[in-house]
Amino acid sequence: DGVRVFYLSSASPTPGVEALLPAIEAAPDEPLPARHRARVTANSK
């Protein structure tokens, strides 16, 4: 179904599941571009 799955860990023991901590640590401190939340409302999931 095209769903990405993550473990909140530094490494993943499961092929096909990504580890999230390295991506969090590499993320910049700047706010996300406005386009990523352009369609987000209070009732959005």
PDB file of all heavy atoms in Angstrom:
ATOM      1  N   ASP A   1       0.810  -1.216   0.000  1.00  0.00           N
ATOM      2  CA  ASP A   1       0.000   0.000   0.000  1.00  0.00           C
ATOM      3  C   ASP A   1       0.846   1.270   0.000  1.00  0.00           C
ATOM      4  O   ASP A   1       0.315   2.376   0.096  1.00  0.00           O
ATOM      5  CB  ASP A   1      -0.917   0.016   1.226  1.00  0.00           C
ATOM      6  CG  ASP A   1      -1.996  -1.053   1.154  1.00  0.00           C
ATOM      7  OD1 ASP A   1      -2.302  -1.497   0.024  1.00  0.00           O
ATOM      8  OD2 ASP A   1      -2.532  -1.446   2.206  1.00  0.00           O
ATOM      9  N   GLY A   2       2.173   1.112  -0.076  1.00  0.00           N
ATOM     10  CA  GLY A   2       3.042   2.283  -0.126  1.00  0.00           C
ATOM     11  C   GLY A   2       3.252   2.975   1.207  1.00  0.00           C
ATOM     12  O   GLY A   2       3.597   4.166   1.247  1.00  0.00           O
ATOM     13  N   VAL A   3       3.052   2.260   2.329  1.00  0.00           N
ATOM     14  CA  VAL A   3       3.216   2.835   3.657  1.00  0.00           C
ATOM     15  C   VAL A   3       4.668   2.654   4.120  1.00  0.00           C
ATOM     16  O   VAL A   3       5.195   1.545   4.089  1.00  0.00           O
ATOM     17  CB  VAL A   3       2.268   2.166   4.670  1.00  0.00           C
ATOM     18  CG1 VAL A   3       2.492   2.716   6.078  1.00  0.00           C
ATOM     19  CG2 VAL A   3       0.813   2.371   4.249  1.00  0.00           C
ATOM     20  N   ARG A   4       5.295   3.752   4.532  1.00  0.00           N
ATOM     21  CA  ARG A   4       6.649   3.676   5.090  1.00  0.00           C
ATOM     22  C   ARG A   4       6.556   3.396   6.583  1.00  0.00           C
ATOM     23  O   ARG A   4       5.754   3.992   7.298  1.00  0.00           O
ATOM     24  CB  ARG A   4       7.404   4.981   4.851  1.00  0.00           C
ATOM     25  CG  ARG A   4       7.671   5.262   3.381  1.00  0.00           C
ATOM     26  CD  ARG A   4       8.369   6.606   3.208  1.00  0.00           C
ATOM     27  NE  ARG A   4       9.722   6.584   3.760  1.00  0.00           N
ATOM     28  CZ  ARG A   4      10.499   7.677   3.838  1.00  0.00           C
ATOM     29  NH1 ARG A   4      10.036   8.849   3.431  1.00  0.00           N
ATOM     30  NH2 ARG A   4      11.724   7.591   4.325  1.00  0.00           N
ATOM     31  N   VAL A   5       7.386   2.470   7.059  1.00  0.00           N
ATOM     32  CA  VAL A   5       7.351   2.058   8.464  1.00  0.00           C
ATOM     33  C   VAL A   5       8.703   2.368   9.096  1.00  0.00           C
ATOM     34  O   VAL A   5       9.753   2.148   8.480  1.00  0.00           O
ATOM     35  CB  VAL A   5       7.037   0.553   8.589  1.00  0.00           C
ATOM     36  CG1 VAL A   5       6.924   0.146  10.058  1.00  0.00           C
ATOM     37  CG2 VAL A   5       5.741   0.218   7.849  1.00  0.00           C
ATOM     38  N   PHE A   6       8.666   2.896  10.330  1.00  0.00           N
ATOM     39  CA  PHE A   6       9.890   3.274  11.032  1.00  0.00           C
ATOM     40  C   PHE A   6       9.933   2.658  12.418  1.00  0.00           C
ATOM     41  O   PHE A   6       8.898   2.469  13.062  1.00  0.00           O
ATOM     42  CB  PHE A   6       9.960   4.801  11.194  1.00  0.00           C
ATOM     43  CG  PHE A   6      10.028   5.565   9.907  1.00  0.00           C
ATOM     44  CD1 PHE A   6       8.863   5.928   9.251  1.00  0.00           C
ATOM     45  CD2 PHE A   6      11.246   5.932   9.359  1.00  0.00           C
ATOM     46  CE1 PHE A   6       8.901   6.647   8.066  1.00  0.00           C
ATOM     47  CE2 PHE A   6      11.292   6.645   8.181  1.00  0.00           C
ATOM     48  CZ  PHE A   6      10.128   7.008   7.528  1.00  0.00           C
ATOM     49  N   TYR A   7      11.153   2.358  12.882  1.00  0.00           N
ATOM     50  CA  TYR A   7      11.399   2.087  14.291  1.00  0.00           C
ATOM     51  C   TYR A   7      12.016   3.345  14.877  1.00  0.00           C
ATOM     52  O   TYR A   7      12.858   3.989  14.248  1.00  0.00           O
ATOM     53  CB  TYR A   7      12.388   0.935  14.488  1.00  0.00           C
ATOM     54  CG  TYR A   7      11.866  -0.441  14.156  1.00  0.00           C
ATOM     55  CD1 TYR A   7      12.629  -1.329  13.400  1.00  0.00           C
ATOM     56  CD2 TYR A   7      10.635  -0.875  14.631  1.00  0.00           C
ATOM     57  CE1 TYR A   7      12.170  -2.603  13.101  1.00  0.00           C
ATOM     58  CE2 TYR A   7      10.173  -2.155  14.337  1.00  0.00           C
ATOM     59  CZ  TYR A   7      10.934  -3.002  13.575  1.00  0.00           C
ATOM     60  OH  TYR A   7      10.474  -4.258  13.288  1.00  0.00           O
ATOM     61  N   LEU A   8      11.590   3.722  16.095  1.00  0.00           N
ATOM     62  CA  LEU A   8      12.212   4.852  16.773  1.00  0.00           C
ATOM     63  C   LEU A   8      13.489   4.343  17.436  1.00  0.00           C
ATOM     64  O   LEU A   8      13.571   4.133  18.635  1.00  0.00           O
ATOM     65  CB  LEU A   8      11.266   5.454  17.809  1.00  0.00           C
ATOM     66  CG  LEU A   8      11.744   6.736  18.491  1.00  0.00           C
ATOM     67  CD1 LEU A   8      12.013   7.820  17.464  1.00  0.00           C
ATOM     68  CD2 LEU A   8      10.738   7.202  19.517  1.00  0.00           C
ATOM     69  N   SER A   9      14.518   4.130  16.594  1.00  0.00           N
ATOM     70  CA  SER A   9      15.766   3.547  17.066  1.00  0.00           C
ATOM     71  C   SER A   9      16.891   3.994  16.144  1.00  0.00           C
ATOM     72  O   SER A   9      16.659   4.610  15.101  1.00  0.00           O
ATOM     73  CB  SER A   9      15.672   2.016  17.078  1.00  0.00           C
ATOM     74  OG  SER A   9      15.381   1.538  15.775  1.00  0.00           O
ATOM     75  N   SER A  10      18.120   3.673  16.534  1.00  0.00           N
ATOM     76  CA  SER A  10      19.274   4.072  15.727  1.00  0.00           C
ATOM     77  C   SER A  10      19.542   3.090  14.598  1.00  0.00           C
ATOM     78  O   SER A  10      20.270   3.403  13.649  1.00  0.00           O
ATOM     79  CB  SER A  10      20.521   4.190  16.616  1.00  0.00           C
ATOM     80  OG  SER A  10      20.750   2.966  17.305  1.00  0.00           O
ATOM     81  N   ALA A  11      18.979   1.887  14.671  1.00  0.00           N
ATOM     82  CA  ALA A  11      19.153   0.890  13.618  1.00  0.00           C
ATOM     83  C   ALA A  11      17.890   0.044  13.539  1.00  0.00           C
ATOM     84  O   ALA A  11      17.129  -0.054  14.505  1.00  0.00           O
ATOM     85  CB  ALA A  11      20.365   0.005  13.901  1.00  0.00           C
ATOM     86  N   SER A  12      17.663  -0.572  12.389  1.00  0.00           N
ATOM     87  CA  SER A  12      16.480  -1.407  12.195  1.00  0.00           C
ATOM     88  C   SER A  12      16.886  -2.857  11.969  1.00  0.00           C
ATOM     89  O   SER A  12      17.709  -3.146  11.102  1.00  0.00           O
ATOM     90  CB  SER A  12      15.659  -0.917  10.995  1.00  0.00           C
ATOM     91  OG  SER A  12      14.647  -1.857  10.676  1.00  0.00           O
ATOM     92  N   PRO A  13      16.302  -3.784  12.741  1.00  0.00           N
ATOM     93  CA  PRO A  13      16.603  -5.202  12.548  1.00  0.00           C
ATOM     94  C   PRO A  13      15.737  -5.846  11.467  1.00  0.00           C
ATOM     95  O   PRO A  13      15.912  -7.026  11.161  1.00  0.00           O
ATOM     96  CB  PRO A  13      16.279  -5.800  13.918  1.00  0.00           C
ATOM     97  CG  PRO A  13      15.148  -4.954  14.411  1.00  0.00           C
ATOM     98  CD  PRO A  13      15.425  -3.557  13.904  1.00  0.00           C
ATOM     99  N   THR A  14      14.815  -5.070  10.886  1.00  0.00           N
ATOM    100  CA  THR A  14      13.858  -5.608   9.929  1.00  0.00           C
ATOM    101  C   THR A  14      14.049  -5.001   8.549  1.00  0.00           C
ATOM    102  O   THR A  14      13.898  -3.785   8.399  1.00  0.00           O
ATOM    103  CB  THR A  14      12.411  -5.340  10.397  1.00  0.00           C
ATOM    104  OG1 THR A  14      12.233  -5.881  11.710  1.00  0.00           O
ATOM    105  CG2 THR A  14      11.410  -5.959   9.442  1.00  0.00           C
ATOM    106  N   PRO A  15      14.369  -5.799   7.525  1.00  0.00           N
ATOM    107  CA  PRO A  15      14.438  -5.267   6.160  1.00  0.00           C
ATOM    108  C   PRO A  15      13.101  -4.657   5.748  1.00  0.00           C
ATOM    109  O   PRO A  15      12.039  -5.235   5.983  1.00  0.00           O
ATOM    110  CB  PRO A  15      14.757  -6.508   5.318  1.00  0.00           C
ATOM    111  CG  PRO A  15      15.409  -7.464   6.269  1.00  0.00           C
ATOM    112  CD  PRO A  15      14.721  -7.239   7.584  1.00  0.00           C
ATOM    113  N   GLY A  16      13.150  -3.470   5.193  1.00  0.00           N
ATOM    114  CA  GLY A  16      11.927  -2.794   4.795  1.00  0.00           C
ATOM    115  C   GLY A  16      11.404  -1.809   5.819  1.00  0.00           C
ATOM    116  O   GLY A  16      10.501  -1.022   5.531  1.00  0.00           O
ATOM    117  N   VAL A  17      11.965  -1.846   7.030  1.00  0.00           N
ATOM    118  CA  VAL A  17      11.600  -0.892   8.074  1.00  0.00           C
ATOM    119  C   VAL A  17      12.805   0.009   8.328  1.00  0.00           C
ATOM    120  O   VAL A  17      13.924  -0.468   8.526  1.00  0.00           O
ATOM    121  CB  VAL A  17      11.189  -1.595   9.382  1.00  0.00           C
ATOM    122  CG1 VAL A  17      10.873  -0.569  10.466  1.00  0.00           C
ATOM    123  CG2 VAL A  17       9.987  -2.491   9.139  1.00  0.00           C
ATOM    124  N   GLU A  18      12.575   1.310   8.323  1.00  0.00           N
ATOM    125  CA  GLU A  18      13.660   2.266   8.475  1.00  0.00           C
ATOM    126  C   GLU A  18      13.847   2.651   9.935  1.00  0.00           C
ATOM    127  O   GLU A  18      12.924   2.578  10.743  1.00  0.00           O
ATOM    128  CB  GLU A  18      13.360   3.527   7.655  1.00  0.00           C
ATOM    129  CG  GLU A  18      13.121   3.245   6.175  1.00  0.00           C
ATOM    130  CD  GLU A  18      12.630   4.464   5.426  1.00  0.00           C
ATOM    131  OE1 GLU A  18      13.361   5.478   5.402  1.00  0.00           O
ATOM    132  OE2 GLU A  18      11.506   4.422   4.893  1.00  0.00           O
ATOM    133  N   ALA A  19      15.070   3.069  10.290  1.00  0.00           N
ATOM    134  CA  ALA A  19      15.362   3.602  11.619  1.00  0.00           C
ATOM    135  C   ALA A  19      15.176   5.112  11.580  1.00  0.00           C
ATOM    136  O   ALA A  19      15.681   5.786  10.685  1.00  0.00           O
ATOM    137  CB  ALA A  19      16.789   3.246  12.032  1.00  0.00           C
ATOM    138  N   LEU A  20      14.445   5.646  12.549  1.00  0.00           N
ATOM    139  CA  LEU A  20      14.065   7.055  12.505  1.00  0.00           C
ATOM    140  C   LEU A  20      15.080   7.985  13.165  1.00  0.00           C
ATOM    141  O   LEU A  20      15.229   9.137  12.755  1.00  0.00           O
ATOM    142  CB  LEU A  20      12.700   7.236  13.175  1.00  0.00           C
ATOM    143  CG  LEU A  20      12.019   8.593  13.009  1.00  0.00           C
ATOM    144  CD1 LEU A  20      11.820   8.922  11.531  1.00  0.00           C
ATOM    145  CD2 LEU A  20      10.680   8.614  13.733  1.00  0.00           C
ATOM    146  N   LEU A  21      15.803   7.520  14.187  1.00  0.00           N
ATOM    147  CA  LEU A  21      16.687   8.414  14.928  1.00  0.00           C
ATOM    148  C   LEU A  21      17.761   9.080  14.070  1.00  0.00           C
ATOM    149  O   LEU A  21      18.016  10.275  14.232  1.00  0.00           O
ATOM    150  CB  LEU A  21      17.332   7.664  16.095  1.00  0.00           C
ATOM    151  CG  LEU A  21      16.420   7.384  17.291  1.00  0.00           C
ATOM    152  CD1 LEU A  21      17.201   6.723  18.420  1.00  0.00           C
ATOM    153  CD2 LEU A  21      15.775   8.666  17.791  1.00  0.00           C
ATOM    154  N   PRO A  22      18.431   8.356  13.139  1.00  0.00           N
ATOM    155  CA  PRO A  22      19.426   9.044  12.305  1.00  0.00           C
ATOM    156  C   PRO A  22      18.822  10.191  11.498  1.00  0.00           C
ATOM    157  O   PRO A  22      19.451  11.242  11.338  1.00  0.00           O
ATOM    158  CB  PRO A  22      19.940   7.926  11.392  1.00  0.00           C
ATOM    159  CG  PRO A  22      19.709   6.667  12.167  1.00  0.00           C
ATOM    160  CD  PRO A  22      18.426   6.901  12.900  1.00  0.00           C
ATOM    161  N   ALA A  23      17.584  10.007  11.016  1.00  0.00           N
ATOM    162  CA  ALA A  23      16.938  11.072  10.251  1.00  0.00           C
ATOM    163  C   ALA A  23      16.602  12.260  11.150  1.00  0.00           C
ATOM    164  O   ALA A  23      16.734  13.424  10.729  1.00  0.00           O
ATOM    165  CB  ALA A  23      15.665  10.546   9.591  1.00  0.00           C
ATOM    166  N   ILE A  24      16.190  11.981  12.376  1.00  0.00           N
ATOM    167  CA  ILE A  24      15.885  13.067  13.316  1.00  0.00           C
ATOM    168  C   ILE A  24      17.143  13.850  13.637  1.00  0.00           C
ATOM    169  O   ILE A  24      17.142  15.097  13.660  1.00  0.00           O
ATOM    170  CB  ILE A  24      15.255  12.498  14.598  1.00  0.00           C
ATOM    171  CG1 ILE A  24      13.869  11.921  14.306  1.00  0.00           C
ATOM    172  CG2 ILE A  24      15.156  13.571  15.683  1.00  0.00           C
ATOM    173  CD1 ILE A  24      13.212  11.265  15.504  1.00  0.00           C
ATOM    174  N   GLU A  25      18.246  13.148  13.880  1.00  0.00           N
ATOM    175  CA  GLU A  25      19.490  13.817  14.245  1.00  0.00           C
ATOM    176  C   GLU A  25      20.055  14.626  13.090  1.00  0.00           C
ATOM    177  O   GLU A  25      20.740  15.638  13.306  1.00  0.00           O
ATOM    178  CB  GLU A  25      20.508  12.774  14.710  1.00  0.00           C
ATOM    179  CG  GLU A  25      20.101  12.097  16.027  1.00  0.00           C
ATOM    180  CD  GLU A  25      20.959  10.887  16.342  1.00  0.00           C
ATOM    181  OE1 GLU A  25      21.794  10.513  15.483  1.00  0.00           O
ATOM    182  OE2 GLU A  25      20.783  10.302  17.431  1.00  0.00           O
ATOM    183  N   ALA A  26      19.762  14.205  11.860  1.00  0.00           N
ATOM    184  CA  ALA A  26      20.278  14.919  10.690  1.00  0.00           C
ATOM    185  C   ALA A  26      19.364  16.053  10.241  1.00  0.00           C
ATOM    186  O   ALA A  26      19.741  16.850   9.380  1.00  0.00           O
ATOM    187  CB  ALA A  26      20.473  13.938   9.529  1.00  0.00           C
ATOM    188  N   ALA A  27      18.187  16.160  10.811  1.00  0.00           N
ATOM    189  CA  ALA A  27      17.228  17.174  10.387  1.00  0.00           C
ATOM    190  C   ALA A  27      17.711  18.565  10.774  1.00  0.00           C
ATOM    191  O   ALA A  27      18.256  18.762  11.864  1.00  0.00           O
ATOM    192  CB  ALA A  27      15.868  16.901  11.012  1.00  0.00           C
ATOM    193  N   PRO A  28      17.503  19.554   9.924  1.00  0.00           N
ATOM    194  CA  PRO A  28      17.915  20.929  10.248  1.00  0.00           C
ATOM    195  C   PRO A  28      17.022  21.538  11.321  1.00  0.00           C
ATOM    196  O   PRO A  28      15.910  21.062  11.573  1.00  0.00           O
ATOM    197  CB  PRO A  28      17.753  21.670   8.905  1.00  0.00           C
ATOM    198  CG  PRO A  28      16.709  20.881   8.175  1.00  0.00           C
ATOM    199  CD  PRO A  28      16.923  19.449   8.574  1.00  0.00           C
ATOM    200  N   ASP A  29      17.499  22.596  11.952  1.00  0.00           N
ATOM    201  CA  ASP A  29      16.747  23.252  13.014  1.00  0.00           C
ATOM    202  C   ASP A  29      15.707  24.234  12.484  1.00  0.00           C
ATOM    203  O   ASP A  29      14.828  24.673  13.230  1.00  0.00           O
ATOM    204  CB  ASP A  29      17.700  24.011  13.949  1.00  0.00           C
ATOM    205  CG  ASP A  29      18.627  23.068  14.704  1.00  0.00           C
ATOM    206  OD1 ASP A  29      18.229  21.907  14.919  1.00  0.00           O
ATOM    207  OD2 ASP A  29      19.737  23.494  15.062  1.00  0.00           O
ATOM    208  N   GLU A  30      15.808  24.594  11.209  1.00  0.00           N
ATOM    209  CA  GLU A  30      14.888  25.575  10.652  1.00  0.00           C
ATOM    210  C   GLU A  30      13.461  25.011  10.568  1.00  0.00           C
ATOM    211  O   GLU A  30      13.270  23.815  10.385  1.00  0.00           O
ATOM    212  CB  GLU A  30      15.336  26.014   9.258  1.00  0.00           C
ATOM    213  CG  GLU A  30      16.647  26.782   9.226  1.00  0.00           C
ATOM    214  CD  GLU A  30      17.853  25.880   9.393  1.00  0.00           C
ATOM    215  OE1 GLU A  30      17.707  24.655   9.119  1.00  0.00           O
ATOM    216  OE2 GLU A  30      18.915  26.371   9.804  1.00  0.00           O
ATOM    217  N   PRO A  31      12.457  25.883  10.676  1.00  0.00           N
ATOM    218  CA  PRO A  31      11.067  25.419  10.527  1.00  0.00           C
ATOM    219  C   PRO A  31      10.841  24.813   9.148  1.00  0.00           C
ATOM    220  O   PRO A  31      11.510  25.166   8.173  1.00  0.00           O
ATOM    221  CB  PRO A  31      10.245  26.708  10.693  1.00  0.00           C
ATOM    222  CG  PRO A  31      11.133  27.632  11.446  1.00  0.00           C
ATOM    223  CD  PRO A  31      12.538  27.308  11.004  1.00  0.00           C
ATOM    224  N   LEU A  32       9.894  23.877   9.068  1.00  0.00           N
ATOM    225  CA  LEU A  32       9.559  23.271   7.789  1.00  0.00           C
ATOM    226  C   LEU A  32       9.007  24.318   6.834  1.00  0.00           C
ATOM    227  O   LEU A  32       8.341  25.266   7.266  1.00  0.00           O
ATOM    228  CB  LEU A  32       8.518  22.174   7.977  1.00  0.00           C
ATOM    229  CG  LEU A  32       8.981  20.888   8.654  1.00  0.00           C
ATOM    230  CD1 LEU A  32       7.782  19.982   8.910  1.00  0.00           C
ATOM    231  CD2 LEU A  32       9.999  20.166   7.804  1.00  0.00           C
ATOM    232  N   PRO A  33       9.264  24.189   5.539  1.00  0.00           N
ATOM    233  CA  PRO A  33       8.681  25.116   4.565  1.00  0.00           C
ATOM    234  C   PRO A  33       7.158  25.126   4.674  1.00  0.00           C
ATOM    235  O   PRO A  33       6.525  24.104   4.944  1.00  0.00           O
ATOM    236  CB  PRO A  33       9.140  24.539   3.221  1.00  0.00           C
ATOM    237  CG  PRO A  33      10.377  23.764   3.539  1.00  0.00           C
ATOM    238  CD  PRO A  33      10.148  23.193   4.912  1.00  0.00           C
ATOM    239  N   ALA A  34       6.571  26.286   4.461  1.00  0.00           N
ATOM    240  CA  ALA A  34       5.120  26.453   4.621  1.00  0.00           C
ATOM    241  C   ALA A  34       4.333  25.531   3.706  1.00  0.00           C
ATOM    242  O   ALA A  34       3.196  25.162   4.018  1.00  0.00           O
ATOM    243  CB  ALA A  34       4.742  27.906   4.363  1.00  0.00           C
ATOM    244  N   ARG A  35       4.926  25.134   2.574  1.00  0.00           N
ATOM    245  CA  ARG A  35       4.183  24.286   1.632  1.00  0.00           C
ATOM    246  C   ARG A  35       3.826  22.936   2.243  1.00  0.00           C
ATOM    247  O   ARG A  35       2.851  22.299   1.839  1.00  0.00           O
ATOM    248  CB  ARG A  35       4.994  24.084   0.348  1.00  0.00           C
ATOM    249  CG  ARG A  35       6.264  23.272   0.523  1.00  0.00           C
ATOM    250  CD  ARG A  35       6.988  23.061  -0.811  1.00  0.00           C
ATOM    251  NE  ARG A  35       8.139  22.183  -0.690  1.00  0.00           N
ATOM    252  CZ  ARG A  35       9.345  22.586  -0.314  1.00  0.00           C
ATOM    253  NH1 ARG A  35       9.550  23.868  -0.025  1.00  0.00           N
ATOM    254  NH2 ARG A  35      10.338  21.730  -0.217  1.00  0.00           N
ATOM    255  N   HIS A  36       4.597  22.481   3.227  1.00  0.00           N
ATOM    256  CA  HIS A  36       4.313  21.182   3.840  1.00  0.00           C
ATOM    257  C   HIS A  36       3.062  21.211   4.708  1.00  0.00           C
ATOM    258  O   HIS A  36       2.501  20.164   5.039  1.00  0.00           O
ATOM    259  CB  HIS A  36       5.505  20.725   4.684  1.00  0.00           C
ATOM    260  CG  HIS A  36       6.697  20.329   3.861  1.00  0.00           C
ATOM    261  ND1 HIS A  36       6.618  19.434   2.835  1.00  0.00           N
ATOM    262  CD2 HIS A  36       8.004  20.711   3.937  1.00  0.00           C
ATOM    263  CE1 HIS A  36       7.817  19.277   2.281  1.00  0.00           C
ATOM    264  NE2 HIS A  36       8.666  20.047   2.942  1.00  0.00           N
ATOM    265  N   ARG A  37       2.637  22.384   5.116  1.00  0.00           N
ATOM    266  CA  ARG A  37       1.447  22.487   5.965  1.00  0.00           C
ATOM    267  C   ARG A  37       0.397  23.396   5.344  1.00  0.00           C
ATOM    268  O   ARG A  37      -0.526  23.837   6.042  1.00  0.00           O
ATOM    269  CB  ARG A  37       1.834  23.004   7.343  1.00  0.00           C
ATOM    270  CG  ARG A  37       2.562  24.343   7.355  1.00  0.00           C
ATOM    271  CD  ARG A  37       2.949  24.724   8.784  1.00  0.00           C
ATOM    272  NE  ARG A  37       3.515  26.058   8.850  1.00  0.00           N
ATOM    273  CZ  ARG A  37       4.792  26.352   8.622  1.00  0.00           C
ATOM    274  NH1 ARG A  37       5.654  25.379   8.335  1.00  0.00           N
ATOM    275  NH2 ARG A  37       5.227  27.601   8.703  1.00  0.00           N
ATOM    276  N   ALA A  38       0.518  23.653   4.054  1.00  0.00           N
ATOM    277  CA  ALA A  38      -0.390  24.598   3.389  1.00  0.00           C
ATOM    278  C   ALA A  38      -1.845  24.147   3.475  1.00  0.00           C
ATOM    279  O   ALA A  38      -2.750  24.978   3.571  1.00  0.00           O
ATOM    280  CB  ALA A  38       0.024  24.783   1.933  1.00  0.00           C
ATOM    281  N   ARG A  39      -2.092  22.857   3.441  1.00  0.00           N
ATOM    282  CA  ARG A  39      -3.465  22.355   3.438  1.00  0.00           C
ATOM    283  C   ARG A  39      -3.893  21.788   4.787  1.00  0.00           C
ATOM    284  O   ARG A  39      -4.959  21.179   4.894  1.00  0.00           O
ATOM    285  CB  ARG A  39      -3.623  21.273   2.368  1.00  0.00           C
ATOM    286  CG  ARG A  39      -3.353  21.778   0.949  1.00  0.00           C
ATOM    287  CD  ARG A  39      -3.551  20.657  -0.070  1.00  0.00           C
ATOM    288  NE  ARG A  39      -3.294  21.121  -1.435  1.00  0.00           N
ATOM    289  CZ  ARG A  39      -3.363  20.354  -2.512  1.00  0.00           C
ATOM    290  NH1 ARG A  39      -3.704  19.065  -2.376  1.00  0.00           N
ATOM    291  NH2 ARG A  39      -3.103  20.840  -3.707  1.00  0.00           N
ATOM    292  N   VAL A  40      -3.085  21.999   5.815  1.00  0.00           N
ATOM    293  CA  VAL A  40      -3.400  21.464   7.142  1.00  0.00           C
ATOM    294  C   VAL A  40      -4.371  22.400   7.859  1.00  0.00           C
ATOM    295  O   VAL A  40      -4.147  23.607   7.937  1.00  0.00           O
ATOM    296  CB  VAL A  40      -2.122  21.304   7.983  1.00  0.00           C
ATOM    297  CG1 VAL A  40      -2.472  20.850   9.402  1.00  0.00           C
ATOM    298  CG2 VAL A  40      -1.193  20.296   7.331  1.00  0.00           C
ATOM    299  N   THR A  41      -5.460  21.827   8.356  1.00  0.00           N
ATOM    300  CA  THR A  41      -6.434  22.586   9.135  1.00  0.00           C
ATOM    301  C   THR A  41      -6.603  21.930  10.499  1.00  0.00           C
ATOM    302  O   THR A  41      -6.020  20.875  10.777  1.00  0.00           O
ATOM    303  CB  THR A  41      -7.800  22.635   8.428  1.00  0.00           C
ATOM    304  OG1 THR A  41      -8.379  21.310   8.452  1.00  0.00           O
ATOM    305  CG2 THR A  41      -7.658  23.110   6.990  1.00  0.00           C
ATOM    306  N   ALA A  42      -7.416  22.537  11.347  1.00  0.00           N
ATOM    307  CA  ALA A  42      -7.660  21.972  12.675  1.00  0.00           C
ATOM    308  C   ALA A  42      -8.287  20.591  12.598  1.00  0.00           C
ATOM    309  O   ALA A  42      -8.085  19.753  13.482  1.00  0.00           O
ATOM    310  CB  ALA A  42      -8.558  22.917  13.475  1.00  0.00           C
ATOM    311  N   ASN A  43      -9.033  20.322  11.530  1.00  0.00           N
ATOM    312  CA  ASN A  43      -9.716  19.031  11.382  1.00  0.00           C
ATOM    313  C   ASN A  43      -8.920  18.018  10.570  1.00  0.00           C
ATOM    314  O   ASN A  43      -9.417  16.919  10.314  1.00  0.00           O
ATOM    315  CB  ASN A  43     -11.090  19.236  10.749  1.00  0.00           C
ATOM    316  CG  ASN A  43     -12.042  19.981  11.665  1.00  0.00           C
ATOM    317  OD1 ASN A  43     -12.032  19.772  12.872  1.00  0.00           O
ATOM    318  ND2 ASN A  43     -12.848  20.874  11.100  1.00  0.00           N
ATOM    319  N   SER A  44      -7.716  18.369  10.169  1.00  0.00           N
ATOM    320  CA  SER A  44      -6.880  17.426   9.426  1.00  0.00           C
ATOM    321  C   SER A  44      -6.472  16.271  10.334  1.00  0.00           C
ATOM    322  O   SER A  44      -6.307  16.439  11.545  1.00  0.00           O
ATOM    323  CB  SER A  44      -5.629  18.123   8.890  1.00  0.00           C
ATOM    324  OG  SER A  44      -5.961  19.133   7.963  1.00  0.00           O
ATOM    325  N   LYS A  45      -6.286  15.095   9.756  1.00  0.00           N
ATOM    326  CA  LYS A  45      -5.834  13.927  10.525  1.00  0.00           C
ATOM    327  C   LYS A  45      -4.349  14.085  10.829  1.00  0.00           C
ATOM    328  O   LYS A  45      -3.525  14.156   9.929  1.00  0.00           O
ATOM    329  CB  LYS A  45      -6.083  12.647   9.745  1.00  0.00           C
ATOM    330  CG  LYS A  45      -7.553  12.341   9.487  1.00  0.00           C
ATOM    331  CD  LYS A  45      -7.702  11.045   8.710  1.00  0.00           C
ATOM    332  CE  LYS A  45      -9.162  10.720   8.439  1.00  0.00           C
ATOM    333  NZ  LYS A  45      -9.785  11.706   7.504  1.00  0.00           N
TER     334      LYS A  45
END
